[in-house]
C-alpha atoms as a PDB file:
ATOM      1  CA  MET A   1      38.056  41.826 121.604  1.00  0.00           C
ATOM      2  CA  HIS A   2      41.235  41.038 123.689  1.00  0.00           C
ATOM      3  CA  LEU A   3      42.065  41.433 127.382  1.00  0.00           C
ATOM      4  CA  GLY A   4      43.454  44.820 127.096  1.00  0.00           C
ATOM      5  CA  THR A   5      40.323  46.481 125.420  1.00  0.00           C
ATOM      6  CA  GLY A   6      37.931  44.319 127.372  1.00  0.00           C
ATOM      7  CA  LEU A   7      39.571  43.907 130.763  1.00  0.00           C
ATOM      8  CA  VAL A   8      41.629  46.900 131.371  1.00  0.00           C
ATOM      9  CA  CYS A   9      39.840  49.368 129.691  1.00  0.00           C
ATOM     10  CA  GLY A  10      36.187  47.992 130.577  1.00  0.00           C
ATOM     11  CA  SER A  11      37.471  48.504 134.101  1.00  0.00           C
ATOM     12  CA  LYS A  12      38.388  51.902 133.614  1.00  0.00           C
ATOM     13  CA  ILE A  13      35.216  52.494 131.894  1.00  0.00           C
ATOM     14  CA  LYS A  14      33.203  50.629 134.901  1.00  0.00           C
ATOM     15  CA  ASP A  15      35.309  52.832 136.881  1.00  0.00           C
ATOM     16  CA  MET A  16      34.258  56.338 135.758  1.00  0.00           C
ATOM     17  CA  VAL A  17      30.793  55.122 135.504  1.00  0.00           C
ATOM     18  CA  LYS A  18      30.694  54.719 138.988  1.00  0.00           C
ATOM     19  CA  ALA A  19      32.300  57.802 139.789  1.00  0.00           C
ATOM     20  CA  GLY A  20      29.276  59.450 137.747  1.00  0.00           C
ATOM     21  CA  PHE A  21      30.832  60.529 134.847  1.00  0.00           C
ATOM     22  CA  GLU A  22      28.489  60.255 131.443  1.00  0.00           C
ATOM     23  CA  PHE A  23      30.947  57.820 129.309  1.00  0.00           C
ATOM     24  CA  ILE A  24      31.076  57.989 125.834  1.00  0.00           C
ATOM     25  CA  ILE A  25      32.134  54.875 123.927  1.00  0.00           C
ATOM     26  CA  PHE A  26      33.236  56.099 120.874  1.00  0.00           C
ATOM     27  CA  LEU A  27      32.767  53.476 117.789  1.00  0.00           C
ATOM     28  CA  ALA A  28      35.124  55.433 115.395  1.00  0.00           C
ATOM     29  CA  ASP A  29      34.058  53.235 111.882  1.00  0.00           C
ATOM     30  CA  TRP A  30      35.193  56.236 110.019  1.00  0.00           C
ATOM     31  CA  HIS A  31      38.956  56.390 111.385  1.00  0.00           C
ATOM     32  CA  SER A  32      39.253  52.323 110.884  1.00  0.00           C
ATOM     33  CA  TRP A  33      38.059  53.277 107.508  1.00  0.00           C
ATOM     34  CA  ILE A  34      40.837  55.355 107.080  1.00  0.00           C
ATOM     35  CA  ASN A  35      43.353  52.949 108.595  1.00  0.00           C
ATOM     36  CA  ASN A  36      42.140  50.259 106.475  1.00  0.00           C
ATOM     37  CA  LYS A  37      40.955  47.872 109.153  1.00  0.00           C
ATOM     38  CA  LEU A  38      39.054  45.173 108.516  1.00  0.00           C
ATOM     39  CA  GLY A  39      40.361  45.743 104.576  1.00  0.00           C
ATOM     40  CA  GLY A  40      38.630  48.826 104.575  1.00  0.00           C
ATOM     41  CA  ASP A  41      35.333  47.644 104.550  1.00  0.00           C
ATOM     42  CA  LEU A  42      32.501  50.256 106.217  1.00  0.00           C
ATOM     43  CA  GLU A  43      30.704  47.241 106.449  1.00  0.00           C
ATOM     44  CA  LYS A  44      32.450  45.028 107.917  1.00  0.00           C
ATOM     45  CA  ILE A  45      33.761  48.044 110.172  1.00  0.00           C
ATOM     46  CA  ARG A  46      30.324  48.797 111.443  1.00  0.00           C
ATOM     47  CA  PHE A  47      29.455  45.050 112.485  1.00  0.00           C
ATOM     48  CA  CYS A  48      32.469  45.454 114.580  1.00  0.00           C
ATOM     49  CA  GLY A  49      31.197  48.101 116.191  1.00  0.00           C
ATOM     50  CA  GLU A  50      28.077  46.540 116.943  1.00  0.00           C
ATOM     51  CA  TYR A  51      30.075  43.425 118.303  1.00  0.00           C
ATOM     52  CA  PHE A  52      31.788  45.665 120.365  1.00  0.00           C
ATOM     53  CA  LYS A  53      28.529  46.905 121.840  1.00  0.00           C
ATOM     54  CA  HIS A  54      27.982  43.096 122.891  1.00  0.00           C
ATOM     55  CA  CYS A  55      31.258  42.706 124.329  1.00  0.00           C
ATOM     56  CA  PHE A  56      31.082  45.496 126.994  1.00  0.00           C
ATOM     57  CA  THR A  57      27.797  44.694 127.664  1.00  0.00           C
ATOM     58  CA  SER A  58      29.211  41.062 128.493  1.00  0.00           C
ATOM     59  CA  LEU A  59      31.344  42.379 130.594  1.00  0.00           C
ATOM     60  CA  GLY A  60      29.472  44.239 132.483  1.00  0.00           C
ATOM     61  CA  VAL A  61      28.890  47.597 131.194  1.00  0.00           C
ATOM     62  CA  PRO A  62      25.143  47.904 130.886  1.00  0.00           C
ATOM     63  CA  ARG A  63      24.062  49.717 127.698  1.00  0.00           C
ATOM     64  CA  GLU A  64      21.877  52.399 129.764  1.00  0.00           C
ATOM     65  CA  ASP A  65      24.934  53.434 131.792  1.00  0.00           C
ATOM     66  CA  VAL A  66      26.912  54.720 128.964  1.00  0.00           C
ATOM     67  CA  SER A  67      26.409  56.284 125.509  1.00  0.00           C
ATOM     68  CA  TYR A  68      27.500  54.808 121.951  1.00  0.00           C
ATOM     69  CA  VAL A  69      28.788  57.700 119.606  1.00  0.00           C
ATOM     70  CA  TRP A  70      29.505  56.736 115.839  1.00  0.00           C
ATOM     71  CA  ALA A  71      31.855  58.495 113.902  1.00  0.00           C
ATOM     72  CA  SER A  72      29.989  58.508 110.935  1.00  0.00           C
ATOM     73  CA  ASP A  73      27.067  60.093 112.785  1.00  0.00           C
ATOM     74  CA  ILE A  74      28.943  63.199 114.182  1.00  0.00           C
ATOM     75  CA  VAL A  75      30.915  63.337 110.824  1.00  0.00           C
ATOM     76  CA  LYS A  76      27.302  64.432 109.307  1.00  0.00           C
ATOM     77  CA  ASP A  77      27.717  67.937 111.013  1.00  0.00           C
ATOM     78  CA  VAL A  78      29.241  70.737 109.094  1.00  0.00           C
ATOM     79  CA  ASP A  79      30.504  72.137 112.550  1.00  0.00           C
ATOM     80  CA  TYR A  80      32.681  68.939 113.121  1.00  0.00           C
ATOM     81  CA  TRP A  81      34.327  69.735 109.966  1.00  0.00           C
ATOM     82  CA  ARG A  82      35.140  72.858 110.861  1.00  0.00           C
ATOM     83  CA  THR A  83      36.851  71.868 113.910  1.00  0.00           C
ATOM     84  CA  VAL A  84      38.884  69.558 112.070  1.00  0.00           C
ATOM     85  CA  ILE A  85      40.133  72.296 109.920  1.00  0.00           C
ATOM     86  CA  GLN A  86      40.739  74.486 112.452  1.00  0.00           C
ATOM     87  CA  ILE A  87      43.044  72.031 114.347  1.00  0.00           C
ATOM     88  CA  GLY A  88      44.870  71.437 111.074  1.00  0.00           C
ATOM     89  CA  LYS A  89      45.443  75.137 110.375  1.00  0.00           C
ATOM     90  CA  GLN A  90      47.527  75.367 113.729  1.00  0.00           C
ATOM     91  CA  ALA A  91      49.438  72.441 113.186  1.00  0.00           C
ATOM     92  CA  SER A  92      51.921  71.957 111.347  1.00  0.00           C
ATOM     93  CA  ILE A  93      52.603  68.438 108.560  1.00  0.00           C
ATOM     94  CA  GLN A  94      55.462  67.702 110.294  1.00  0.00           C
ATOM     95  CA  ARG A  95      53.426  67.665 113.422  1.00  0.00           C
ATOM     96  CA  VAL A  96      50.713  65.723 112.381  1.00  0.00           C
ATOM     97  CA  ARG A  97      52.851  62.892 110.883  1.00  0.00           C
ATOM     98  CA  ARG A  98      54.380  62.837 114.189  1.00  0.00           C
ATOM     99  CA  THR A  99      51.120  61.645 115.637  1.00  0.00           C
ATOM    100  CA  LEU A 100      50.660  59.219 112.884  1.00  0.00           C
ATOM    101  CA  PRO A 101      52.017  56.298 115.255  1.00  0.00           C
ATOM    102  CA  ILE A 102      48.229  56.231 116.659  1.00  0.00           C
ATOM    103  CA  MET A 103      47.385  54.242 113.891  1.00  0.00           C
ATOM    104  CA  GLY A 104      50.017  51.696 114.654  1.00  0.00           C
ATOM    105  CA  ARG A 105      52.551  52.806 112.337  1.00  0.00           C
ATOM    106  CA  GLY A 106      56.096  53.754 113.384  1.00  0.00           C
ATOM    107  CA  ILE A 107      57.585  57.544 113.310  1.00  0.00           C
ATOM    108  CA  GLU A 108      60.491  56.733 111.318  1.00  0.00           C
ATOM    109  CA  SER A 109      60.188  58.494 107.848  1.00  0.00           C
ATOM    110  CA  GLU A 110      60.847  55.663 105.841  1.00  0.00           C
ATOM    111  CA  SER A 111      57.550  54.377 107.211  1.00  0.00           C
ATOM    112  CA  LEU A 112      55.510  57.591 106.576  1.00  0.00           C
ATOM    113  CA  ASP A 113      54.720  56.874 103.194  1.00  0.00           C
ATOM    114  CA  VAL A 114      50.729  56.482 103.567  1.00  0.00           C
ATOM    115  CA  GLU A 115      48.030  57.171 102.257  1.00  0.00           C
ATOM    116  CA  ALA A 116      46.561  61.178 102.034  1.00  0.00           C
ATOM    117  CA  ALA A 117      43.543  59.909 104.140  1.00  0.00           C
ATOM    118  CA  ALA A 118      46.400  59.020 107.246  1.00  0.00           C
ATOM    119  CA  LEU A 119      46.671  62.720 107.748  1.00  0.00           C
ATOM    120  CA  PHE A 120      43.171  63.638 108.132  1.00  0.00           C
ATOM    121  CA  TYR A 121      43.128  60.847 111.122  1.00  0.00           C
ATOM    122  CA  PRO A 122      45.219  62.973 113.576  1.00  0.00           C
ATOM    123  CA  CYS A 123      42.876  65.902 113.055  1.00  0.00           C
ATOM    124  CA  MET A 124      39.902  63.873 113.226  1.00  0.00           C
ATOM    125  CA  GLN A 125      40.742  61.823 116.730  1.00  0.00           C
ATOM    126  CA  ALA A 126      41.183  65.620 118.484  1.00  0.00           C
ATOM    127  CA  ALA A 127      38.330  67.172 116.957  1.00  0.00           C
ATOM    128  CA  ASP A 128      36.246  64.283 117.932  1.00  0.00           C
ATOM    129  CA  ILE A 129      37.241  65.440 121.901  1.00  0.00           C
ATOM    130  CA  PHE A 130      36.092  68.791 121.135  1.00  0.00           C
ATOM    131  CA  HIS A 131      32.799  67.966 118.752  1.00  0.00           C
ATOM    132  CA  MET A 132      31.269  65.680 122.019  1.00  0.00           C
ATOM    133  CA  LYS A 133      32.466  68.025 124.705  1.00  0.00           C
ATOM    134  CA  VAL A 134      34.674  66.086 126.345  1.00  0.00           C
ATOM    135  CA  ASP A 135      36.002  66.526 129.585  1.00  0.00           C
ATOM    136  CA  VAL A 136      38.468  63.485 130.277  1.00  0.00           C
ATOM    137  CA  ALA A 137      39.830  61.815 127.403  1.00  0.00           C
ATOM    138  CA  CYS A 138      40.249  57.958 128.261  1.00  0.00           C
ATOM    139  CA  ALA A 139      42.193  55.650 125.750  1.00  0.00           C
ATOM    140  CA  GLY A 140      45.548  53.445 125.565  1.00  0.00           C
ATOM    141  CA  ILE A 141      48.832  55.286 126.466  1.00  0.00           C
ATOM    142  CA  ASP A 142      49.471  54.801 122.281  1.00  0.00           C
ATOM    143  CA  GLN A 143      46.681  57.099 122.048  1.00  0.00           C
ATOM    144  CA  ARG A 144      48.905  59.900 123.757  1.00  0.00           C
ATOM    145  CA  LYS A 145      50.599  62.009 120.809  1.00  0.00           C
ATOM    146  CA  ALA A 146      46.650  62.630 120.265  1.00  0.00           C
ATOM    147  CA  HIS A 147      45.434  63.625 122.811  1.00  0.00           C
ATOM    148  CA  MET A 148      48.508  66.039 123.520  1.00  0.00           C
ATOM    149  CA  LEU A 149      47.546  67.552 119.826  1.00  0.00           C
ATOM    150  CA  ALA A 150      44.259  68.091 121.329  1.00  0.00           C
ATOM    151  CA  ARG A 151      45.640  70.071 124.340  1.00  0.00           C
ATOM    152  CA  ASP A 152      48.054  71.720 121.938  1.00  0.00           C
ATOM    153  CA  SER A 153      45.458  72.878 119.630  1.00  0.00           C
ATOM    154  CA  ALA A 154      42.729  73.663 122.695  1.00  0.00           C
ATOM    155  CA  GLU A 155      45.750  76.164 124.032  1.00  0.00           C
ATOM    156  CA  LYS A 156      46.696  77.945 120.631  1.00  0.00           C
ATOM    157  CA  LEU A 157      42.518  77.925 120.364  1.00  0.00           C
ATOM    158  CA  GLY A 158      41.549  79.426 123.455  1.00  0.00           C
ATOM    159  CA  TRP A 159      39.738  76.509 124.027  1.00  0.00           C
ATOM    160  CA  ARG A 160      39.217  74.341 127.205  1.00  0.00           C
ATOM    161  CA  LYS A 161      42.045  71.787 127.738  1.00  0.00           C
ATOM    162  CA  PRO A 162      40.945  68.239 128.124  1.00  0.00           C
ATOM    163  CA  ALA A 163      41.945  66.045 130.838  1.00  0.00           C
ATOM    164  CA  CYS A 164      43.885  62.520 129.245  1.00  0.00           C
ATOM    165  CA  VAL A 165      43.619  59.106 131.228  1.00  0.00           C
ATOM    166  CA  HIS A 166      45.393  56.604 129.574  1.00  0.00           C
ATOM    167  CA  THR A 167      45.598  52.597 130.241  1.00  0.00           C
ATOM    168  CA  HIS A 168      48.413  50.305 129.989  1.00  0.00           C
ATOM    169  CA  LEU A 169      48.966  47.904 127.375  1.00  0.00           C
ATOM    170  CA  LEU A 170      49.238  44.499 127.944  1.00  0.00           C
ATOM    171  CA  ILE A 171      52.051  42.966 126.499  1.00  0.00           C
ATOM    172  CA  GLY A 172      51.498  40.354 124.162  1.00  0.00           C
ATOM    173  CA  LEU A 173      51.855  36.747 124.903  1.00  0.00           C
ATOM    174  CA  THR A 174      54.916  35.816 122.979  1.00  0.00           C
ATOM    175  CA  GLY A 175      56.857  38.396 125.139  1.00  0.00           C
ATOM    176  CA  PRO A 176      59.278  41.450 124.206  1.00  0.00           C
ATOM    177  CA  SER A 177      60.938  39.518 121.779  1.00  0.00           C
ATOM    178  CA  ASP A 178      58.375  39.344 119.210  1.00  0.00           C
ATOM    179  CA  ARG A 179      57.423  43.242 119.120  1.00  0.00           C
ATOM    180  CA  ILE A 180      56.221  45.109 116.179  1.00  0.00           C
ATOM    181  CA  GLU A 181      59.133  46.539 113.948  1.00  0.00           C
ATOM    182  CA  GLY A 182      59.161  50.609 114.029  1.00  0.00           C
ATOM    183  CA  LYS A 183      59.426  52.999 116.502  1.00  0.00           C
ATOM    184  CA  PHE A 184      56.512  54.002 117.803  1.00  0.00           C
ATOM    185  CA  ASP A 185      57.325  57.090 120.214  1.00  0.00           C
ATOM    186  CA  GLU A 186      60.792  59.262 121.454  1.00  0.00           C
ATOM    187  CA  ASN A 187      60.080  57.992 125.162  1.00  0.00           C
ATOM    188  CA  PRO A 188      62.062  54.212 125.459  1.00  0.00           C
ATOM    189  CA  ASP A 189      59.018  52.686 127.783  1.00  0.00           C
ATOM    190  CA  VAL A 190      56.503  53.870 125.634  1.00  0.00           C
ATOM    191  CA  ASP A 191      57.631  53.068 122.774  1.00  0.00           C
ATOM    192  CA  GLY A 192      58.206  49.354 124.139  1.00  0.00           C
ATOM    193  CA  GLU A 193      54.506  49.317 125.254  1.00  0.00           C
ATOM    194  CA  ILE A 194      53.413  50.209 122.387  1.00  0.00           C
ATOM    195  CA  GLY A 195      55.829  48.139 119.891  1.00  0.00           C
ATOM    196  CA  SER A 196      55.044  44.852 122.044  1.00  0.00           C
ATOM    197  CA  LYS A 197      51.564  45.218 122.871  1.00  0.00           C
ATOM    198  CA  MET A 198      49.138  42.404 122.705  1.00  0.00           C
ATOM    199  CA  SER A 199      47.348  43.000 119.014  1.00  0.00           C
ATOM    200  CA  LYS A 200      44.156  40.822 117.547  1.00  0.00           C
ATOM    201  CA  SER A 201      45.936  40.720 114.565  1.00  0.00           C
ATOM    202  CA  ILE A 202      48.338  38.237 116.722  1.00  0.00           C
ATOM    203  CA  PRO A 203      45.845  35.348 117.578  1.00  0.00           C
ATOM    204  CA  ARG A 204      48.993  33.613 119.422  1.00  0.00           C
ATOM    205  CA  SER A 205      49.745  36.600 121.254  1.00  0.00           C
ATOM    206  CA  CYS A 206      46.692  37.641 122.588  1.00  0.00           C
ATOM    207  CA  ILE A 207      43.773  36.453 125.001  1.00  0.00           C
ATOM    208  CA  PHE A 208      40.288  37.177 123.331  1.00  0.00           C
ATOM    209  CA  ILE A 209      37.634  37.765 125.991  1.00  0.00           C
ATOM    210  CA  HIS A 210      35.095  35.256 124.612  1.00  0.00           C
ATOM    211  CA  ASP A 211      37.713  32.281 124.572  1.00  0.00           C
ATOM    212  CA  ALA A 212      37.285  28.707 125.549  1.00  0.00           C
ATOM    213  CA  PRO A 213      38.611  27.488 128.953  1.00  0.00           C
ATOM    214  CA  LYS A 214      40.898  25.079 127.351  1.00  0.00           C
ATOM    215  CA  ASP A 215      42.308  28.218 124.741  1.00  0.00           C
ATOM    216  CA  ILE A 216      42.937  30.340 127.705  1.00  0.00           C
ATOM    217  CA  GLU A 217      44.427  27.697 129.111  1.00  0.00           C
ATOM    218  CA  SER A 218      46.591  26.873 126.037  1.00  0.00           C
ATOM    219  CA  LYS A 219      47.536  29.945 125.521  1.00  0.00           C
ATOM    220  CA  ILE A 220      49.090  30.905 128.771  1.00  0.00           C
ATOM    221  CA  LEU A 221      50.823  27.827 129.072  1.00  0.00           C
ATOM    222  CA  SER A 222      52.768  28.444 125.731  1.00  0.00           C
ATOM    223  CA  ALA A 223      53.114  32.361 126.776  1.00  0.00           C
ATOM    224  CA  TYR A 224      56.756  33.162 127.464  1.00  0.00           C
ATOM    225  CA  CYS A 225      57.589  33.836 131.154  1.00  0.00           C
ATOM    226  CA  SER A 226      60.748  33.697 132.058  1.00  0.00           C
ATOM    227  CA  PRO A 227      61.984  32.630 135.855  1.00  0.00           C
ATOM    228  CA  LYS A 228      62.295  35.133 138.646  1.00  0.00           C
ATOM    229  CA  GLN A 229      61.744  38.034 135.732  1.00  0.00           C
ATOM    230  CA  VAL A 230      58.901  40.355 136.612  1.00  0.00           C
ATOM    231  CA  GLU A 231      59.819  43.158 133.654  1.00  0.00           C
ATOM    232  CA  ALA A 232      58.192  42.686 130.553  1.00  0.00           C
ATOM    233  CA  ASN A 233      56.759  39.475 131.564  1.00  0.00           C
ATOM    234  CA  PRO A 234      53.307  38.792 130.240  1.00  0.00           C
ATOM    235  CA  ILE A 235      51.397  36.529 133.047  1.00  0.00           C
ATOM    236  CA  LEU A 236      52.417  38.673 135.859  1.00  0.00           C
ATOM    237  CA  GLU A 237      51.039  41.526 133.774  1.00  0.00           C
ATOM    238  CA  LEU A 238      48.006  39.451 133.382  1.00  0.00           C
ATOM    239  CA  ALA A 239      47.789  38.875 137.038  1.00  0.00           C
ATOM    240  CA  LYS A 240      48.488  42.840 137.820  1.00  0.00           C
ATOM    241  CA  TYR A 241      45.878  44.473 135.326  1.00  0.00           C
ATOM    242  CA  THR A 242      43.436  41.636 134.568  1.00  0.00           C
ATOM    243  CA  VAL A 243      42.764  38.859 137.714  1.00  0.00           C
ATOM    244  CA  LEU A 244      43.330  41.215 140.723  1.00  0.00           C
ATOM    245  CA  PRO A 245      41.541  44.148 140.128  1.00  0.00           C
ATOM    246  CA  GLU A 246      39.026  41.863 139.270  1.00  0.00           C
ATOM    247  CA  LEU A 247      38.860  39.442 142.035  1.00  0.00           C
ATOM    248  CA  GLY A 248      41.088  40.968 144.585  1.00  0.00           C
ATOM    249  CA  HIS A 249      43.304  38.120 145.006  1.00  0.00           C
ATOM    250  CA  LEU A 250      45.567  35.349 142.871  1.00  0.00           C
ATOM    251  CA  ASN A 251      44.871  31.768 143.960  1.00  0.00           C
ATOM    252  CA  ILE A 252      48.339  29.447 143.154  1.00  0.00           C
ATOM    253  CA  ASP A 253      47.821  26.134 143.679  1.00  0.00           C
ATOM    254  CA  ARG A 254      51.345  24.479 144.774  1.00  0.00           C
ATOM    255  CA  ALA A 255      52.151  21.096 145.327  1.00  0.00           C
ATOM    256  CA  GLU A 256      52.969  20.210 149.185  1.00  0.00           C
ATOM    257  CA  LYS A 257      56.551  19.587 148.018  1.00  0.00           C
ATOM    258  CA  HIS A 258      56.944  23.515 146.626  1.00  0.00           C
ATOM    259  CA  GLY A 259      55.200  24.549 149.588  1.00  0.00           C
ATOM    260  CA  GLY A 260      51.607  24.147 148.801  1.00  0.00           C
ATOM    261  CA  PRO A 261      48.554  26.333 147.789  1.00  0.00           C
ATOM    262  CA  ILE A 262      49.281  30.305 148.553  1.00  0.00           C
ATOM    263  CA  SER A 263      47.054  33.244 147.918  1.00  0.00           C
ATOM    264  CA  TYR A 264      48.640  36.627 147.093  1.00  0.00           C
ATOM    265  CA  PRO A 265      46.422  39.634 147.924  1.00  0.00           C
ATOM    266  CA  SER A 266      48.126  42.234 145.865  1.00  0.00           C
ATOM    267  CA  TYR A 267      50.654  42.515 142.762  1.00  0.00           C
ATOM    268  CA  LEU A 268      53.220  43.929 144.878  1.00  0.00           C
ATOM    269  CA  LYS A 269      53.577  40.623 147.156  1.00  0.00           C
ATOM    270  CA  LEU A 270      53.222  38.171 144.162  1.00  0.00           C
ATOM    271  CA  GLU A 271      55.815  39.919 142.169  1.00  0.00           C
ATOM    272  CA  GLU A 272      58.024  39.856 145.174  1.00  0.00           C
ATOM    273  CA  ALA A 273      57.829  36.166 145.775  1.00  0.00           C
ATOM    274  CA  TYR A 274      58.271  36.020 142.074  1.00  0.00           C
ATOM    275  CA  ARG A 275      61.419  37.843 141.561  1.00  0.00           C
ATOM    276  CA  ARG A 276      62.925  35.982 144.636  1.00  0.00           C
ATOM    277  CA  GLY A 277      62.122  32.261 142.691  1.00  0.00           C
ATOM    278  CA  GLU A 278      59.317  31.610 145.203  1.00  0.00           C
ATOM    279  CA  ILE A 279      56.846  30.913 142.229  1.00  0.00           C
ATOM    280  CA  HIS A 280      57.700  28.620 139.337  1.00  0.00           C
ATOM    281  CA  PRO A 281      56.709  29.258 136.407  1.00  0.00           C
ATOM    282  CA  LEU A 282      54.148  26.871 135.239  1.00  0.00           C
ATOM    283  CA  ASP A 283      52.592  27.318 138.599  1.00  0.00           C
ATOM    284  CA  LEU A 284      52.240  31.021 138.345  1.00  0.00           C
ATOM    285  CA  LYS A 285      50.664  30.397 134.446  1.00  0.00           C
ATOM    286  CA  LYS A 286      47.829  27.730 135.913  1.00  0.00           C
ATOM    287  CA  GLY A 287      46.815  30.127 138.368  1.00  0.00           C
ATOM    288  CA  VAL A 288      46.161  32.637 136.165  1.00  0.00           C
ATOM    289  CA  ALA A 289      44.708  30.896 133.592  1.00  0.00           C
ATOM    290  CA  GLU A 290      42.541  29.457 136.104  1.00  0.00           C
ATOM    291  CA  ALA A 291      41.519  32.963 137.586  1.00  0.00           C
ATOM    292  CA  LEU A 292      41.103  34.717 134.034  1.00  0.00           C
ATOM    293  CA  THR A 293      39.117  31.598 132.977  1.00  0.00           C
ATOM    294  CA  GLY A 294      36.549  32.226 136.188  1.00  0.00           C
ATOM    295  CA  VAL A 295      36.706  36.253 135.321  1.00  0.00           C
ATOM    296  CA  LEU A 296      35.353  35.423 132.018  1.00  0.00           C
ATOM    297  CA  SER A 297      32.760  32.742 132.652  1.00  0.00           C
ATOM    298  CA  SER A 298      30.213  35.614 132.388  1.00  0.00           C
ATOM    299  CA  VAL A 299      31.452  36.834 129.150  1.00  0.00           C
ATOM    300  CA  ARG A 300      30.984  32.868 127.795  1.00  0.00           C
ATOM    301  CA  GLU A 301      27.692  32.976 129.317  1.00  0.00           C
ATOM    302  CA  TYR A 302      26.647  36.018 127.588  1.00  0.00           C
ATOM    303  CA  PHE A 303      27.529  34.619 123.682  1.00  0.00           C
ATOM    304  CA  SER A 304      26.366  31.268 123.986  1.00  0.00           C
ATOM    305  CA  LYS A 305      22.892  33.270 123.890  1.00  0.00           C
ATOM    306  CA  HIS A 306      24.503  35.586 120.869  1.00  0.00           C
ATOM    307  CA  SER A 307      25.899  33.385 118.993  1.00  0.00           C
ATOM    308  CA  ASP A 308      24.789  34.566 115.840  1.00  0.00           C
ATOM    309  CA  VAL A 309      27.209  37.923 116.728  1.00  0.00           C
ATOM    310  CA  LEU A 310      30.191  35.979 117.531  1.00  0.00           C
ATOM    311  CA  ASP A 311      29.893  33.278 114.891  1.00  0.00           C
ATOM    312  CA  GLU A 312      29.605  36.438 112.236  1.00  0.00           C
ATOM    313  CA  MET A 313      32.095  38.284 113.868  1.00  0.00           C
ATOM    314  CA  MET A 314      34.497  35.160 113.697  1.00  0.00           C
ATOM    315  CA  LYS A 315      34.277  35.116 109.942  1.00  0.00           C
ATOM    316  CA  ILE A 316      36.040  38.347 109.192  1.00  0.00           C
ATOM    317  CA  ASP A 317      39.733  38.635 108.859  1.00  0.00           C
ATOM    318  CA  VAL A 318      41.482  41.017 111.459  1.00  0.00           C
ATOM    319  CA  THR A 319      43.856  42.388 109.126  1.00  0.00           C
ATOM    320  CA  ARG A 320      45.453  44.874 111.340  1.00  0.00           C
END
C-alpha cells in the first residue's frame, strides 16, 4: 500500500467515520482477478486483501469502526448478478468500453483489445454500489467513470443515485514526464492526474506506508522537484495531501544563511513561498521526508509486531 491509498484515501475514511458514516472497505478480489492483478492469482489477491486490513489498522482505522466486505462473498448472491445484468442491459457496449480506464487501461481503440471478462468489470463495480446499499461512493478520481455509470443506470432504472466522493491521485515521485502511456479520460486535467499517478508497480515512483526512514529519505531526495514550480510537483503534493492534513504544519529546517528554520501552517503559504523561490528544493525535500517519517512511525511500529504479514506480502510480485 502506498501513500495515495494509505494516507489520502485512509484520511477520508477516518473523516467519514468520524462524521457518522457506516463505512465499508470493499475488498474487490474478483475484480482484481478479472484485471489480472498479482498475475490473476486469487490466493495471492486474497492475501493482499488481508494485508490491506492490516495496513488500514496500522494507519488508525480500527477494524471495529469499519466493515470489510469481500467481492467473493457478494457474488454468491443471485440478486447481485441480477443487478449486474440490469445495468448491462441499459448500457451499450461502447458505454461500457469507455469505462475501462478504471482498470488502468487507456480509452484509445487499440488499447481495448482485452479479455471479454473485462467487460463485466464496470457493470460489476456499479452493481457493487447498489447491492451494498451505498449512499456515498468514495474512491480515487480514476474511478469516476464507474461511478457515473452507476448514476446513469440509477436514473434509467428508477433507483436512488449514489453521491460520489473522489480523492486526488498523488503524482509519482519521478514527475509528470514519466507518465503511463495512453489516454485515460476526456478531461485533460483528470487524464493527466491518472496518467501520472503514483504506482505500486513502479517502486521508484512511490512511497510505501511501511517504508523504512532511510528509504523514505532516499526516494524523496531522488524525486523530481523543479525550483519554483508548483504544478505537478510531487514533493509539494506530498506536503499538501499527506503531511499538512496529518500534522497541521510543515517544518523546514533551513540553514541560517538561507533564512533559518521556518514552519508553514497551511499549504497556500508553503506554495507561495516555493513559487517565489524562498525555499530551496533540497530543503523542501528534507522537510517533507522528516515529516513523513514521523507520520508513518505508527505503521512501522505496527508491522514490527506483524512482520510475518509484511514479509509474506513482499514476496509477491506486483504486476500492475
